[in-house]
N, C-alpha and C. Protein backbone atom coordinates (compact mmCIF):
# COMPACT_ATOMS: atom_id res chain seq x y z
N MET A 1 104.37 77.38 65.42
CA MET A 1 103.91 76.81 66.78
C MET A 1 104.74 75.86 66.89
N ARG A 2 104.93 75.99 68.35
CA ARG A 2 105.90 74.85 68.82
C ARG A 2 104.77 74.29 70.25
N THR A 3 105.10 73.38 70.51
CA THR A 3 104.15 72.76 71.56
C THR A 3 105.27 72.18 72.67
N PHE A 4 105.04 72.03 73.97
CA PHE A 4 105.83 71.31 74.74
C PHE A 4 105.73 71.05 76.07
N ARG A 5 106.16 70.49 76.76
CA ARG A 5 105.51 69.77 77.96
C ARG A 5 106.40 70.84 78.96
N PHE A 6 105.48 71.28 80.19
CA PHE A 6 106.08 72.04 81.40
C PHE A 6 106.43 71.19 82.47
N ASP A 7 105.86 70.28 82.50
CA ASP A 7 105.71 69.36 83.91
C ASP A 7 107.01 68.18 83.83
N ARG A 8 107.72 68.48 83.28
CA ARG A 8 109.07 67.60 83.13
C ARG A 8 109.87 67.44 84.18
N ALA A 9 109.73 68.02 85.33
CA ALA A 9 110.33 67.40 86.71
C ALA A 9 111.61 67.56 86.46
N GLU A 10 112.64 68.32 85.66
CA GLU A 10 114.09 68.41 85.46
C GLU A 10 114.91 68.30 86.60
N ARG A 11 114.79 68.81 87.58
CA ARG A 11 115.90 69.11 88.55
C ARG A 11 115.37 69.24 90.03
N PRO A 12 115.49 68.35 91.00
CA PRO A 12 115.47 68.56 92.21
C PRO A 12 115.86 69.72 92.67
N ILE A 13 115.46 70.37 93.89
CA ILE A 13 115.81 71.39 94.43
C ILE A 13 116.08 71.39 96.04
N PRO A 14 117.34 71.39 96.29
CA PRO A 14 117.65 71.03 97.82
C PRO A 14 117.66 72.43 98.36
N ALA A 15 117.79 73.35 97.83
CA ALA A 15 118.14 74.81 98.55
C ALA A 15 117.00 74.73 99.59
N TYR A 16 117.82 75.79 100.50
CA TYR A 16 116.70 76.31 101.79
C TYR A 16 116.24 75.20 102.62
N ASP A 17 116.91 74.04 102.51
CA ASP A 17 116.31 72.87 103.07
C ASP A 17 114.83 72.41 102.57
N SER A 18 114.82 72.41 101.30
CA SER A 18 113.15 72.26 100.68
C SER A 18 113.22 70.44 100.76
N ILE A 19 111.80 70.13 100.44
CA ILE A 19 111.79 68.63 100.79
C ILE A 19 111.08 68.49 99.52
N GLY A 20 111.09 67.30 98.62
CA GLY A 20 110.23 67.04 97.58
C GLY A 20 109.64 68.02 96.88
N LEU A 21 111.17 68.76 96.51
CA LEU A 21 110.92 70.11 95.30
C LEU A 21 111.31 69.82 94.24
N VAL A 22 110.83 69.69 92.87
CA VAL A 22 111.50 69.50 91.78
C VAL A 22 111.09 70.74 90.62
N ALA A 23 111.98 71.40 90.07
CA ALA A 23 111.57 72.57 88.91
C ALA A 23 111.93 72.14 87.81
N THR A 24 111.18 72.62 86.85
CA THR A 24 111.30 72.74 85.21
C THR A 24 111.40 74.06 84.90
N ARG A 25 112.66 74.74 84.10
CA ARG A 25 112.86 75.89 83.51
C ARG A 25 112.14 75.92 82.32
N ILE A 26 111.14 77.00 82.00
CA ILE A 26 110.31 76.89 81.12
C ILE A 26 111.06 78.22 80.14
N ALA A 27 111.05 79.16 80.44
CA ALA A 27 111.44 80.11 79.53
C ALA A 27 111.97 81.35 80.52
N ALA A 28 112.83 82.40 79.81
CA ALA A 28 113.18 83.55 80.13
C ALA A 28 112.92 84.56 79.29
N GLY A 29 112.89 85.68 79.57
CA GLY A 29 112.76 86.91 78.65
C GLY A 29 114.10 87.79 78.93
N ASP A 30 114.11 88.91 78.23
CA ASP A 30 114.73 89.91 78.30
C ASP A 30 114.81 90.41 79.80
N GLY A 31 116.08 90.76 80.25
CA GLY A 31 116.30 91.14 81.49
C GLY A 31 116.18 89.94 82.34
N ARG A 32 115.43 90.26 83.61
CA ARG A 32 115.39 89.23 84.69
C ARG A 32 114.10 88.53 84.69
N VAL A 33 113.22 88.35 83.51
CA VAL A 33 112.04 87.37 83.58
C VAL A 33 112.13 86.10 83.42
N ARG A 34 111.81 85.01 84.38
CA ARG A 34 111.88 83.97 83.98
C ARG A 34 110.71 83.28 84.58
N LEU A 35 110.38 81.99 83.93
CA LEU A 35 109.27 81.18 84.23
C LEU A 35 109.65 79.92 84.38
N THR A 36 109.07 79.25 85.67
CA THR A 36 109.49 77.81 85.99
C THR A 36 108.05 77.22 86.49
N CYS A 37 108.20 75.77 86.49
CA CYS A 37 107.42 74.98 86.90
C CYS A 37 107.76 74.59 88.06
N LEU A 38 107.11 74.61 89.17
CA LEU A 38 107.47 73.87 90.45
C LEU A 38 106.45 72.76 91.05
N THR A 39 107.27 71.31 90.93
CA THR A 39 106.29 70.36 91.64
C THR A 39 106.53 69.95 93.11
N VAL A 40 105.69 69.90 93.96
CA VAL A 40 106.05 69.71 95.29
C VAL A 40 105.43 68.73 95.65
N GLU A 41 106.21 67.43 96.04
CA GLU A 41 105.55 66.26 96.62
C GLU A 41 104.83 66.23 97.91
N ALA A 42 103.88 65.45 98.12
CA ALA A 42 102.84 65.21 98.93
C ALA A 42 104.04 65.28 100.67
N GLY A 43 103.74 66.25 101.42
CA GLY A 43 104.56 66.40 102.12
C GLY A 43 105.81 67.34 102.44
N GLY A 44 105.42 67.75 101.03
CA GLY A 44 107.02 68.52 100.54
C GLY A 44 107.07 70.31 101.28
N VAL A 45 108.13 70.99 100.94
CA VAL A 45 108.38 72.00 101.80
C VAL A 45 109.29 72.61 100.77
N ILE A 46 108.90 73.87 100.56
CA ILE A 46 109.83 74.93 100.02
C ILE A 46 110.28 75.66 101.12
N GLY A 47 111.50 75.59 101.59
CA GLY A 47 112.26 76.05 102.53
C GLY A 47 111.82 77.55 102.71
N THR A 48 112.23 78.05 103.90
CA THR A 48 111.98 79.53 104.05
C THR A 48 113.23 80.06 103.76
N HIS A 49 113.20 81.46 102.64
CA HIS A 49 114.03 81.95 102.10
C HIS A 49 113.66 83.50 101.82
N GLN A 50 114.59 84.25 101.16
CA GLN A 50 114.15 85.73 100.79
C GLN A 50 113.89 85.51 99.30
N ALA A 51 113.08 86.09 98.57
CA ALA A 51 112.65 86.19 97.22
C ALA A 51 113.89 86.76 96.71
N PRO A 52 114.89 86.31 95.87
CA PRO A 52 115.62 86.97 95.34
C PRO A 52 115.22 87.98 94.15
N SER A 53 114.01 87.94 93.93
CA SER A 53 113.20 89.11 93.01
C SER A 53 111.86 88.93 93.17
N SER A 54 111.45 90.02 92.63
CA SER A 54 109.87 89.81 92.89
C SER A 54 109.23 88.44 92.07
N GLN A 55 108.37 87.68 93.18
CA GLN A 55 107.87 86.33 92.65
C GLN A 55 106.48 86.45 92.65
N MET A 56 106.08 85.85 91.69
CA MET A 56 104.22 85.46 91.48
C MET A 56 104.22 83.75 91.30
N PHE A 57 103.48 83.38 92.54
CA PHE A 57 103.48 81.79 92.61
C PHE A 57 101.81 81.40 91.99
N LEU A 58 101.88 80.88 91.21
CA LEU A 58 100.32 80.62 90.60
C LEU A 58 100.33 79.17 91.03
N VAL A 59 99.25 78.34 91.70
CA VAL A 59 98.67 77.25 91.89
C VAL A 59 98.09 76.52 90.71
N THR A 60 98.56 75.78 89.90
CA THR A 60 97.69 75.34 88.88
C THR A 60 97.21 73.68 89.39
N ALA A 61 97.80 73.12 90.25
CA ALA A 61 97.08 71.77 90.97
C ALA A 61 97.34 71.44 92.09
N GLY A 62 96.47 70.85 92.71
CA GLY A 62 96.65 70.73 94.02
C GLY A 62 96.20 71.54 94.99
N ALA A 63 96.89 71.49 96.44
CA ALA A 63 96.65 72.60 97.26
C ALA A 63 97.62 72.62 98.37
N GLY A 64 97.74 73.60 99.29
CA GLY A 64 99.04 73.78 99.97
C GLY A 64 98.73 74.83 100.85
N TRP A 65 99.95 75.43 101.33
CA TRP A 65 100.03 76.69 102.03
C TRP A 65 101.13 77.37 101.84
N VAL A 66 101.21 78.94 102.43
CA VAL A 66 102.20 79.70 102.12
C VAL A 66 102.45 80.74 103.42
N ALA A 67 103.45 81.21 103.81
CA ALA A 67 103.67 81.57 104.62
C ALA A 67 104.57 82.77 104.64
N GLY A 68 104.38 84.01 105.26
CA GLY A 68 105.28 85.12 105.38
C GLY A 68 106.46 84.81 106.38
N ALA A 69 107.39 85.81 106.39
CA ALA A 69 108.10 86.15 107.59
C ALA A 69 107.53 85.71 109.04
N ASP A 70 106.35 85.98 109.20
CA ASP A 70 105.81 85.47 110.54
C ASP A 70 105.53 84.01 110.95
N GLY A 71 105.43 83.45 109.59
CA GLY A 71 105.23 82.23 109.91
C GLY A 71 103.87 81.70 109.74
N VAL A 72 103.04 82.63 109.73
CA VAL A 72 101.69 82.36 109.67
C VAL A 72 101.39 81.68 108.35
N ARG A 73 100.72 80.34 108.21
CA ARG A 73 100.10 79.65 107.01
C ARG A 73 98.66 80.17 106.55
N ALA A 74 98.63 80.25 105.13
CA ALA A 74 97.30 80.71 104.73
C ALA A 74 97.37 79.70 103.58
N ALA A 75 95.96 79.13 103.39
CA ALA A 75 95.74 78.04 102.80
C ALA A 75 95.70 78.37 101.15
N VAL A 76 96.20 77.73 99.99
CA VAL A 76 96.29 78.00 98.85
C VAL A 76 96.00 76.78 97.66
N HIS A 77 95.28 76.98 96.67
CA HIS A 77 94.50 75.93 95.95
C HIS A 77 94.56 76.22 94.76
N ALA A 78 94.47 75.11 93.87
CA ALA A 78 94.49 75.51 92.28
C ALA A 78 93.59 76.84 91.98
N GLY A 79 94.16 77.42 91.22
CA GLY A 79 93.46 78.84 90.97
C GLY A 79 94.02 80.14 91.66
N ASP A 80 94.90 79.66 92.91
CA ASP A 80 95.25 81.00 93.65
C ASP A 80 96.78 81.49 93.34
N GLY A 81 97.05 82.48 93.75
CA GLY A 81 98.22 83.21 93.49
C GLY A 81 98.72 83.87 94.41
N VAL A 82 99.68 84.02 94.88
CA VAL A 82 100.46 84.71 95.74
C VAL A 82 101.51 85.70 94.93
N VAL A 83 101.98 86.86 95.37
CA VAL A 83 103.32 87.65 95.12
C VAL A 83 103.86 87.90 96.25
N TRP A 84 105.33 87.85 96.33
CA TRP A 84 106.12 88.34 97.23
C TRP A 84 107.28 89.15 96.52
N ASP A 85 107.42 90.02 97.04
CA ASP A 85 108.33 91.19 96.58
C ASP A 85 109.93 90.53 96.94
N GLU A 86 110.62 91.62 96.15
CA GLU A 86 112.07 91.31 96.23
C GLU A 86 112.35 91.26 97.84
N GLY A 87 113.33 90.65 98.19
CA GLY A 87 113.74 90.26 99.73
C GLY A 87 112.71 89.83 100.77
N GLU A 88 111.39 89.49 100.35
CA GLU A 88 110.46 89.23 101.46
C GLU A 88 110.64 87.59 101.78
N VAL A 89 110.97 87.65 102.82
CA VAL A 89 110.79 86.05 103.48
C VAL A 89 109.39 85.33 103.58
N HIS A 90 109.41 83.97 102.94
CA HIS A 90 108.45 82.97 102.81
C HIS A 90 108.70 81.66 102.57
N THR A 91 107.84 80.80 102.94
CA THR A 91 108.16 79.37 102.52
C THR A 91 106.58 79.02 102.29
N SER A 92 106.59 77.87 101.95
CA SER A 92 105.53 77.00 101.41
C SER A 92 105.46 75.49 101.62
N GLY A 93 104.02 75.06 101.50
CA GLY A 93 104.52 73.50 101.69
C GLY A 93 103.03 72.92 101.40
N THR A 94 102.85 71.55 101.50
CA THR A 94 101.68 70.87 101.06
C THR A 94 101.34 69.50 101.72
N ASP A 95 100.29 69.04 102.24
CA ASP A 95 100.12 67.73 102.71
C ASP A 95 100.06 67.03 101.37
N GLY A 96 98.98 67.30 100.26
CA GLY A 96 98.86 66.20 99.32
C GLY A 96 99.70 66.49 98.30
N GLY A 97 100.25 67.59 98.07
CA GLY A 97 101.16 67.96 96.64
C GLY A 97 100.46 69.05 95.95
N LEU A 98 101.20 69.61 95.35
CA LEU A 98 100.86 70.90 94.34
C LEU A 98 101.83 71.18 93.45
N THR A 99 101.48 71.72 92.23
CA THR A 99 102.00 72.39 91.14
C THR A 99 102.16 73.71 91.12
N ALA A 100 102.93 74.54 90.79
CA ALA A 100 102.77 75.74 90.82
C ALA A 100 103.76 76.49 89.54
N LEU A 101 103.11 77.70 88.55
CA LEU A 101 103.85 78.11 87.80
C LEU A 101 104.56 79.55 88.67
N VAL A 102 105.93 79.53 88.29
CA VAL A 102 106.48 80.79 89.01
C VAL A 102 106.95 81.64 88.22
N ILE A 103 106.57 82.87 88.21
CA ILE A 103 106.93 84.02 87.40
C ILE A 103 108.09 85.15 88.29
N GLU A 104 109.10 85.33 87.92
CA GLU A 104 110.37 85.95 88.75
C GLU A 104 110.78 87.00 87.94
N GLY A 105 111.37 87.93 88.50
CA GLY A 105 112.02 89.14 87.91
C GLY A 105 111.60 90.44 88.07
N ALA A 106 111.23 90.84 87.16
CA ALA A 106 110.80 92.51 87.09
C ALA A 106 109.39 92.44 87.67
N PRO A 107 108.95 93.40 88.94
CA PRO A 107 107.91 93.33 89.51
C PRO A 107 106.65 93.37 88.40
N LEU A 108 105.69 92.93 88.80
CA LEU A 108 104.52 92.52 87.87
C LEU A 108 103.18 93.29 88.61
N THR A 109 102.76 94.31 87.82
CA THR A 109 101.48 94.69 88.34
C THR A 109 100.19 93.78 88.01
N LEU A 110 99.35 93.68 89.22
CA LEU A 110 98.62 93.08 89.28
C LEU A 110 97.24 93.43 88.70
N PHE A 111 96.31 92.93 87.73
CA PHE A 111 95.13 93.52 87.42
C PHE A 111 93.96 92.98 88.51
N ASP A 112 93.12 94.12 88.90
CA ASP A 112 92.22 93.73 89.52
C ASP A 112 90.97 92.66 88.99
N PRO A 113 90.55 91.85 89.71
CA PRO A 113 89.20 91.10 88.99
C PRO A 113 88.15 92.01 88.31
N ALA A 114 87.42 91.37 87.04
CA ALA A 114 86.61 92.32 86.70
C ALA A 114 85.57 92.39 87.15
N ALA A 115 84.87 93.33 87.29
CA ALA A 115 83.58 93.50 88.05
C ALA A 115 82.51 92.40 87.67
């Protein structure tokens, strides 16, 4: 067994004119699968960009918003997830701060909620 912290805030990310975004790489699998912890400070934004691969954005703490190419914002809170397909334009941000785990790489199949 190995234990570790995944909220280490290792690397500020200025790409895409992002503001207040810090990433910690957690793990990578065979092929293109990667897991990253993103921390977005209060008032921060992950700038508009195309998803370089399929991305799953899982909000673990805080709240914020996400938007697609049309710019229409949808609220997200801890426990919410968003999936963007490869090439899909998107952005996200927060007024009060949020933390999200991001799984990128091979497309993932979502399971329907249990009835």
